[in-house]
Amino acid sequence: LQLGMTVHIPAQNAQAGKGEFDGIKVENFGF
């Protein structure tokens, strides 16, 4: 996907590698 709608908290977790994304950072997206 190139664009996405999301709750801001999972987005924070993704870039930090926490919560639902524990240990797996996703960093190739921006607000």
Full PDB file with SEQRES, HELIX, SHEET, SSBOND, CRYST1, ORIGX, SCALE, CONECT and MASTER records, all heavy atoms in Angstrom:
SEQRES   1 A   31  LEU GLN LEU GLY MET THR VAL HIS ILE PRO ALA GLN ASN          
SEQRES   2 A   31  ALA GLN ALA GLY LYS GLY GLU PHE ASP GLY ILE LYS VAL          
SEQRES   3 A   31  GLU ASN PHE GLY PHE                                          
HELIX    1 AA1 HIS A    8  ALA A   16  1                                   9    
HELIX    2 AA2 GLY A   19  PHE A   21  5                                   3    
CRYST1    1.000    1.000    1.000  90.00  90.00  90.00 P 1           1          
ORIGX1      1.000000  0.000000  0.000000        0.00000                         
ORIGX2      0.000000  1.000000  0.000000        0.00000                         
ORIGX3      0.000000  0.000000  1.000000        0.00000                         
SCALE1      1.000000  0.000000  0.000000        0.00000                         
SCALE2      0.000000  1.000000  0.000000        0.00000                         
SCALE3      0.000000  0.000000  1.000000        0.00000                         
ATOM      1  N   LEU A   1       0.851  -1.181   0.000  1.00  0.00           N  
ATOM      2  CA  LEU A   1       0.000   0.000   0.000  1.00  0.00           C  
ATOM      3  C   LEU A   1       0.891   1.236   0.000  1.00  0.00           C  
ATOM      4  O   LEU A   1       2.030   1.184   0.469  1.00  0.00           O  
ATOM      5  CB  LEU A   1      -0.898   0.046   1.247  1.00  0.00           C  
ATOM      6  CG  LEU A   1      -1.975  -1.017   1.429  1.00  0.00           C  
ATOM      7  CD1 LEU A   1      -2.626  -0.851   2.805  1.00  0.00           C  
ATOM      8  CD2 LEU A   1      -3.028  -0.937   0.337  1.00  0.00           C  
ATOM      9  N   GLN A   2       0.344   2.342  -0.498  1.00  0.00           N  
ATOM     10  CA  GLN A   2       1.109   3.589  -0.498  1.00  0.00           C  
ATOM     11  C   GLN A   2       0.556   4.607   0.498  1.00  0.00           C  
ATOM     12  O   GLN A   2       1.271   5.471   0.981  1.00  0.00           O  
ATOM     13  CB  GLN A   2       1.095   4.198  -1.912  1.00  0.00           C  
ATOM     14  CG  GLN A   2       1.850   3.384  -2.945  1.00  0.00           C  
ATOM     15  CD  GLN A   2       1.111   2.118  -3.347  1.00  0.00           C  
ATOM     16  OE1 GLN A   2      -0.109   2.157  -3.592  1.00  0.00           O  
ATOM     17  NE2 GLN A   2       1.817   1.006  -3.426  1.00  0.00           N  
ATOM     18  N   LEU A   3      -0.739   4.512   0.808  1.00  0.00           N  
ATOM     19  CA  LEU A   3      -1.388   5.390   1.769  1.00  0.00           C  
ATOM     20  C   LEU A   3      -2.201   4.528   2.729  1.00  0.00           C  
ATOM     21  O   LEU A   3      -2.646   3.437   2.358  1.00  0.00           O  
ATOM     22  CB  LEU A   3      -2.327   6.391   1.077  1.00  0.00           C  
ATOM     23  CG  LEU A   3      -1.715   7.343   0.047  1.00  0.00           C  
ATOM     24  CD1 LEU A   3      -2.825   8.098  -0.697  1.00  0.00           C  
ATOM     25  CD2 LEU A   3      -0.767   8.329   0.727  1.00  0.00           C  
ATOM     26  N   GLY A   4      -2.423   5.014   3.951  1.00  0.00           N  
ATOM     27  CA  GLY A   4      -3.206   4.239   4.892  1.00  0.00           C  
ATOM     28  C   GLY A   4      -3.836   5.109   5.964  1.00  0.00           C  
ATOM     29  O   GLY A   4      -3.286   6.129   6.361  1.00  0.00           O  
ATOM     30  N   MET A   5      -5.010   4.674   6.427  1.00  0.00           N  
ATOM     31  CA  MET A   5      -5.677   5.310   7.558  1.00  0.00           C  
ATOM     32  C   MET A   5      -5.359   4.469   8.795  1.00  0.00           C  
ATOM     33  O   MET A   5      -5.360   3.245   8.731  1.00  0.00           O  
ATOM     34  CB  MET A   5      -7.180   5.382   7.304  1.00  0.00           C  
ATOM     35  CG  MET A   5      -7.538   6.175   6.059  1.00  0.00           C  
ATOM     36  SD  MET A   5      -9.267   5.999   5.532  1.00  0.00           S  
ATOM     37  CE  MET A   5     -10.122   6.992   6.754  1.00  0.00           C  
ATOM     38  N   THR A   6      -5.086   5.125   9.911  1.00  0.00           N  
ATOM     39  CA  THR A   6      -4.708   4.397  11.116  1.00  0.00           C  
ATOM     40  C   THR A   6      -4.986   5.232  12.354  1.00  0.00           C  
ATOM     41  O   THR A   6      -5.009   6.467  12.292  1.00  0.00           O  
ATOM     42  CB  THR A   6      -3.209   4.015  11.087  1.00  0.00           C  
ATOM     43  OG1 THR A   6      -2.851   3.391  12.317  1.00  0.00           O  
ATOM     44  CG2 THR A   6      -2.324   5.223  10.890  1.00  0.00           C  
ATOM     45  N   VAL A   7      -5.200   4.551  13.468  1.00  0.00           N  
ATOM     46  CA  VAL A   7      -5.187   5.236  14.763  1.00  0.00           C  
ATOM     47  C   VAL A   7      -3.754   5.691  15.004  1.00  0.00           C  
ATOM     48  O   VAL A   7      -2.799   4.987  14.669  1.00  0.00           O  
ATOM     49  CB  VAL A   7      -5.645   4.273  15.884  1.00  0.00           C  
ATOM     50  CG1 VAL A   7      -5.599   4.967  17.239  1.00  0.00           C  
ATOM     51  CG2 VAL A   7      -7.055   3.757  15.595  1.00  0.00           C  
ATOM     52  N   HIS A   8      -3.574   6.869  15.597  1.00  0.00           N  
ATOM     53  CA  HIS A   8      -2.220   7.417  15.714  1.00  0.00           C  
ATOM     54  C   HIS A   8      -1.340   6.606  16.659  1.00  0.00           C  
ATOM     55  O   HIS A   8      -0.111   6.587  16.502  1.00  0.00           O  
ATOM     56  CB  HIS A   8      -2.265   8.889  16.132  1.00  0.00           C  
ATOM     57  CG  HIS A   8      -2.469   9.161  17.592  1.00  0.00           C  
ATOM     58  ND1 HIS A   8      -3.686   9.031  18.224  1.00  0.00           N  
ATOM     59  CD2 HIS A   8      -1.597   9.556  18.559  1.00  0.00           C  
ATOM     60  CE1 HIS A   8      -3.559   9.349  19.498  1.00  0.00           C  
ATOM     61  NE2 HIS A   8      -2.301   9.670  19.733  1.00  0.00           N  
ATOM     62  N   ILE A   9      -1.924   5.901  17.625  1.00  0.00           N  
ATOM     63  CA  ILE A   9      -1.115   5.151  18.593  1.00  0.00           C  
ATOM     64  C   ILE A   9      -0.420   3.940  17.957  1.00  0.00           C  
ATOM     65  O   ILE A   9       0.786   3.741  18.167  1.00  0.00           O  
ATOM     66  CB  ILE A   9      -1.964   4.780  19.821  1.00  0.00           C  
ATOM     67  CG1 ILE A   9      -2.345   6.068  20.564  1.00  0.00           C  
ATOM     68  CG2 ILE A   9      -1.205   3.838  20.753  1.00  0.00           C  
ATOM     69  CD1 ILE A   9      -3.335   5.890  21.690  1.00  0.00           C  
ATOM     70  N   PRO A  10      -1.102   3.101  17.163  1.00  0.00           N  
ATOM     71  CA  PRO A  10      -0.362   2.041  16.456  1.00  0.00           C  
ATOM     72  C   PRO A  10       0.728   2.591  15.539  1.00  0.00           C  
ATOM     73  O   PRO A  10       1.772   1.957  15.362  1.00  0.00           O  
ATOM     74  CB  PRO A  10      -1.456   1.327  15.646  1.00  0.00           C  
ATOM     75  CG  PRO A  10      -2.704   1.553  16.426  1.00  0.00           C  
ATOM     76  CD  PRO A  10      -2.561   2.941  16.989  1.00  0.00           C  
ATOM     77  N   ALA A  11       0.500   3.769  14.959  1.00  0.00           N  
ATOM     78  CA  ALA A  11       1.530   4.380  14.111  1.00  0.00           C  
ATOM     79  C   ALA A  11       2.761   4.728  14.946  1.00  0.00           C  
ATOM     80  O   ALA A  11       3.904   4.493  14.529  1.00  0.00           O  
ATOM     81  CB  ALA A  11       0.979   5.626  13.425  1.00  0.00           C  
ATOM     82  N   GLN A  12       2.542   5.288  16.135  1.00  0.00           N  
ATOM     83  CA  GLN A  12       3.665   5.577  17.036  1.00  0.00           C  
ATOM     84  C   GLN A  12       4.389   4.290  17.420  1.00  0.00           C  
ATOM     85  O   GLN A  12       5.623   4.239  17.444  1.00  0.00           O  
ATOM     86  CB  GLN A  12       3.146   6.279  18.303  1.00  0.00           C  
ATOM     87  CG  GLN A  12       2.621   7.682  18.070  1.00  0.00           C  
ATOM     88  CD  GLN A  12       1.960   8.261  19.310  1.00  0.00           C  
ATOM     89  OE1 GLN A  12       1.487   7.533  20.186  1.00  0.00           O  
ATOM     90  NE2 GLN A  12       1.911   9.577  19.400  1.00  0.00           N  
ATOM     91  N   ASN A  13       3.612   3.249  17.723  1.00  0.00           N  
ATOM     92  CA  ASN A  13       4.209   1.966  18.104  1.00  0.00           C  
ATOM     93  C   ASN A  13       5.029   1.369  16.973  1.00  0.00           C  
ATOM     94  O   ASN A  13       6.083   0.771  17.196  1.00  0.00           O  
ATOM     95  CB  ASN A  13       3.118   0.983  18.534  1.00  0.00           C  
ATOM     96  CG  ASN A  13       2.496   1.337  19.871  1.00  0.00           C  
ATOM     97  OD1 ASN A  13       3.072   2.093  20.658  1.00  0.00           O  
ATOM     98  ND2 ASN A  13       1.320   0.799  20.144  1.00  0.00           N  
ATOM     99  N   ALA A  14       4.545   1.523  15.741  1.00  0.00           N  
ATOM    100  CA  ALA A  14       5.247   0.965  14.582  1.00  0.00           C  
ATOM    101  C   ALA A  14       6.620   1.597  14.416  1.00  0.00           C  
ATOM    102  O   ALA A  14       7.620   0.902  14.193  1.00  0.00           O  
ATOM    103  CB  ALA A  14       4.411   1.161  13.314  1.00  0.00           C  
ATOM    104  N   GLN A  15       6.683   2.921  14.511  1.00  0.00           N  
ATOM    105  CA  GLN A  15       7.967   3.596  14.322  1.00  0.00           C  
ATOM    106  C   GLN A  15       8.912   3.375  15.504  1.00  0.00           C  
ATOM    107  O   GLN A  15      10.128   3.464  15.345  1.00  0.00           O  
ATOM    108  CB  GLN A  15       7.743   5.096  14.072  1.00  0.00           C  
ATOM    109  CG  GLN A  15       7.095   5.361  12.712  1.00  0.00           C  
ATOM    110  CD  GLN A  15       7.060   6.826  12.323  1.00  0.00           C  
ATOM    111  OE1 GLN A  15       7.362   7.710  13.103  1.00  0.00           O  
ATOM    112  NE2 GLN A  15       6.677   7.084  11.082  1.00  0.00           N  
ATOM    113  N   ALA A  16       8.344   3.037  16.677  1.00  0.00           N  
ATOM    114  CA  ALA A  16       9.180   2.799  17.857  1.00  0.00           C  
ATOM    115  C   ALA A  16       9.482   1.319  18.071  1.00  0.00           C  
ATOM    116  O   ALA A  16      10.324   0.967  18.900  1.00  0.00           O  
ATOM    117  CB  ALA A  16       8.487   3.358  19.099  1.00  0.00           C  
ATOM    118  N   GLY A  17       8.784   0.434  17.322  1.00  0.00           N  
ATOM    119  CA  GLY A  17       8.969  -1.004  17.517  1.00  0.00           C  
ATOM    120  C   GLY A  17       8.412  -1.487  18.841  1.00  0.00           C  
ATOM    121  O   GLY A  17       8.974  -2.359  19.489  1.00  0.00           O  
ATOM    122  N   LYS A  18       7.259  -0.945  19.227  1.00  0.00           N  
ATOM    123  CA  LYS A  18       6.630  -1.304  20.501  1.00  0.00           C  
ATOM    124  C   LYS A  18       5.210  -1.818  20.276  1.00  0.00           C  
ATOM    125  O   LYS A  18       4.703  -1.802  19.162  1.00  0.00           O  
ATOM    126  CB  LYS A  18       6.590  -0.077  21.431  1.00  0.00           C  
ATOM    127  CG  LYS A  18       7.946   0.477  21.816  1.00  0.00           C  
ATOM    128  CD  LYS A  18       7.794   1.695  22.707  1.00  0.00           C  
ATOM    129  CE  LYS A  18       9.155   2.265  23.115  1.00  0.00           C  
ATOM    130  NZ  LYS A  18       9.001   3.491  23.953  1.00  0.00           N  
ATOM    131  N   GLY A  19       4.570  -2.251  21.358  1.00  0.00           N  
ATOM    132  CA  GLY A  19       3.177  -2.664  21.296  1.00  0.00           C  
ATOM    133  C   GLY A  19       2.928  -3.738  20.253  1.00  0.00           C  
ATOM    134  O   GLY A  19       3.583  -4.785  20.256  1.00  0.00           O  
ATOM    135  N   GLU A  20       2.006  -3.478  19.341  1.00  0.00           N  
ATOM    136  CA  GLU A  20       1.667  -4.430  18.288  1.00  0.00           C  
ATOM    137  C   GLU A  20       2.861  -4.717  17.375  1.00  0.00           C  
ATOM    138  O   GLU A  20       2.887  -5.729  16.669  1.00  0.00           O  
ATOM    139  CB  GLU A  20       0.506  -3.900  17.430  1.00  0.00           C  
ATOM    140  CG  GLU A  20      -0.697  -3.383  18.210  1.00  0.00           C  
ATOM    141  CD  GLU A  20      -0.578  -1.898  18.538  1.00  0.00           C  
ATOM    142  OE1 GLU A  20       0.550  -1.417  18.792  1.00  0.00           O  
ATOM    143  OE2 GLU A  20      -1.615  -1.224  18.555  1.00  0.00           O  
ATOM    144  N   PHE A  21       3.842  -3.817  17.381  1.00  0.00           N  
ATOM    145  CA  PHE A  21       5.028  -3.956  16.528  1.00  0.00           C  
ATOM    146  C   PHE A  21       6.278  -4.226  17.373  1.00  0.00           C  
ATOM    147  O   PHE A  21       7.379  -3.829  16.992  1.00  0.00           O  
ATOM    148  CB  PHE A  21       5.217  -2.683  15.697  1.00  0.00           C  
ATOM    149  CG  PHE A  21       4.100  -2.442  14.715  1.00  0.00           C  
ATOM    150  CD1 PHE A  21       2.991  -1.689  15.069  1.00  0.00           C  
ATOM    151  CD2 PHE A  21       4.160  -2.982  13.435  1.00  0.00           C  
ATOM    152  CE1 PHE A  21       1.954  -1.464  14.170  1.00  0.00           C  
ATOM    153  CE2 PHE A  21       3.129  -2.760  12.534  1.00  0.00           C  
ATOM    154  CZ  PHE A  21       2.024  -2.003  12.905  1.00  0.00           C  
ATOM    155  N   ASP A  22       6.099  -4.900  18.494  1.00  0.00           N  
ATOM    156  CA  ASP A  22       7.200  -5.158  19.417  1.00  0.00           C  
ATOM    157  C   ASP A  22       8.380  -5.822  18.706  1.00  0.00           C  
ATOM    158  O   ASP A  22       8.268  -6.924  18.170  1.00  0.00           O  
ATOM    159  CB  ASP A  22       6.715  -6.054  20.558  1.00  0.00           C  
ATOM    160  CG  ASP A  22       7.764  -6.229  21.640  1.00  0.00           C  
ATOM    161  OD1 ASP A  22       8.627  -5.351  21.770  1.00  0.00           O  
ATOM    162  OD2 ASP A  22       7.723  -7.249  22.345  1.00  0.00           O  
ATOM    163  N   GLY A  23       9.511  -5.118  18.669  1.00  0.00           N  
ATOM    164  CA  GLY A  23      10.722  -5.653  18.057  1.00  0.00           C  
ATOM    165  C   GLY A  23      10.769  -5.588  16.544  1.00  0.00           C  
ATOM    166  O   GLY A  23      11.748  -6.015  15.931  1.00  0.00           O  
ATOM    167  N   ILE A  24       9.711  -5.053  15.923  1.00  0.00           N  
ATOM    168  CA  ILE A  24       9.684  -4.980  14.451  1.00  0.00           C  
ATOM    169  C   ILE A  24       9.303  -3.559  14.048  1.00  0.00           C  
ATOM    170  O   ILE A  24       8.117  -3.234  13.905  1.00  0.00           O  
ATOM    171  CB  ILE A  24       8.677  -5.980  13.846  1.00  0.00           C  
ATOM    172  CG1 ILE A  24       8.933  -7.390  14.370  1.00  0.00           C  
ATOM    173  CG2 ILE A  24       8.756  -5.963  12.317  1.00  0.00           C  
ATOM    174  CD1 ILE A  24       7.881  -8.398  13.962  1.00  0.00           C  
ATOM    175  N   LYS A  25      10.270  -2.700  13.883  1.00  0.00           N  
ATOM    176  CA  LYS A  25       9.991  -1.314  13.502  1.00  0.00           C  
ATOM    177  C   LYS A  25       9.545  -1.221  12.047  1.00  0.00           C  
ATOM    178  O   LYS A  25      10.062  -1.919  11.181  1.00  0.00           O  
ATOM    179  CB  LYS A  25      11.238  -0.447  13.693  1.00  0.00           C  
ATOM    180  CG  LYS A  25      11.613  -0.183  15.141  1.00  0.00           C  
ATOM    181  CD  LYS A  25      12.775   0.801  15.213  1.00  0.00           C  
ATOM    182  CE  LYS A  25      13.154   1.101  16.648  1.00  0.00           C  
ATOM    183  NZ  LYS A  25      14.257   2.090  16.717  1.00  0.00           N  
ATOM    184  N   VAL A  26       8.580  -0.346  11.803  1.00  0.00           N  
ATOM    185  CA  VAL A  26       8.183   0.015  10.437  1.00  0.00           C  
ATOM    186  C   VAL A  26       8.449   1.508  10.325  1.00  0.00           C  
ATOM    187  O   VAL A  26       7.784   2.314  10.979  1.00  0.00           O  
ATOM    188  CB  VAL A  26       6.704  -0.300  10.151  1.00  0.00           C  
ATOM    189  CG1 VAL A  26       6.358   0.054   8.702  1.00  0.00           C  
ATOM    190  CG2 VAL A  26       6.393  -1.762  10.438  1.00  0.00           C  
ATOM    191  N   GLU A  27       9.406   1.873   9.512  1.00  0.00           N  
ATOM    192  CA  GLU A  27       9.863   3.269   9.483  1.00  0.00           C  
ATOM    193  C   GLU A  27       9.706   3.953   8.127  1.00  0.00           C  
ATOM    194  O   GLU A  27      10.040   5.129   7.999  1.00  0.00           O  
ATOM    195  CB  GLU A  27      11.330   3.329   9.917  1.00  0.00           C  
ATOM    196  CG  GLU A  27      11.560   2.817  11.341  1.00  0.00           C  
ATOM    197  CD  GLU A  27      13.026   2.822  11.731  1.00  0.00           C  
ATOM    198  OE1 GLU A  27      13.786   2.047  11.126  1.00  0.00           O  
ATOM    199  OE2 GLU A  27      13.404   3.621  12.615  1.00  0.00           O  
ATOM    200  N   ASN A  28       9.189   3.220   7.132  1.00  0.00           N  
ATOM    201  CA  ASN A  28       9.116   3.808   5.783  1.00  0.00           C  
ATOM    202  C   ASN A  28       7.779   4.495   5.524  1.00  0.00           C  
ATOM    203  O   ASN A  28       7.228   4.432   4.428  1.00  0.00           O  
ATOM    204  CB  ASN A  28       9.352   2.729   4.723  1.00  0.00           C  
ATOM    205  CG  ASN A  28       8.244   1.698   4.677  1.00  0.00           C  
ATOM    206  OD1 ASN A  28       7.660   1.359   5.704  1.00  0.00           O  
ATOM    207  ND2 ASN A  28       7.952   1.185   3.491  1.00  0.00           N  
ATOM    208  N   PHE A  29       7.227   5.151   6.554  1.00  0.00           N  
ATOM    209  CA  PHE A  29       5.996   5.914   6.354  1.00  0.00           C  
ATOM    210  C   PHE A  29       6.069   7.191   7.172  1.00  0.00           C  
ATOM    211  O   PHE A  29       6.830   7.286   8.138  1.00  0.00           O  
ATOM    212  CB  PHE A  29       4.753   5.100   6.737  1.00  0.00           C  
ATOM    213  CG  PHE A  29       4.586   4.890   8.224  1.00  0.00           C  
ATOM    214  CD1 PHE A  29       3.850   5.775   8.997  1.00  0.00           C  
ATOM    215  CD2 PHE A  29       5.174   3.792   8.854  1.00  0.00           C  
ATOM    216  CE1 PHE A  29       3.703   5.583  10.371  1.00  0.00           C  
ATOM    217  CE2 PHE A  29       5.029   3.585  10.218  1.00  0.00           C  
ATOM    218  CZ  PHE A  29       4.283   4.488  10.975  1.00  0.00           C  
ATOM    219  N   GLY A  30       5.263   8.160   6.786  1.00  0.00           N  
ATOM    220  CA  GLY A  30       5.242   9.423   7.495  1.00  0.00           C  
ATOM    221  C   GLY A  30       3.825   9.937   7.685  1.00  0.00           C  
ATOM    222  O   GLY A  30       2.925   9.626   6.900  1.00  0.00           O  
ATOM    223  N   PHE A  31       3.640  10.720   8.726  1.00  0.00           N  
ATOM    224  CA  PHE A  31       2.358  11.358   9.052  1.00  0.00           C  
ATOM    225  C   PHE A  31       1.979  12.340   7.943  1.00  0.00           C  
ATOM    226  O   PHE A  31       2.807  13.128   7.489  1.00  0.00           O  
ATOM    227  CB  PHE A  31       2.516  12.093  10.385  1.00  0.00           C  
ATOM    228  CG  PHE A  31       1.330  12.905  10.829  1.00  0.00           C  
ATOM    229  CD1 PHE A  31       0.339  12.342  11.606  1.00  0.00           C  
ATOM    230  CD2 PHE A  31       1.227  14.250  10.491  1.00  0.00           C  
ATOM    231  CE1 PHE A  31      -0.748  13.093  12.049  1.00  0.00           C  
ATOM    232  CE2 PHE A  31       0.155  15.013  10.926  1.00  0.00           C  
ATOM    233  CZ  PHE A  31      -0.837  14.439  11.703  1.00  0.00           C  
TER     234      PHE A  31                                                      
MASTER        0    0    0    2    0    0    0    6  233    1    0    3          
END                                                                             
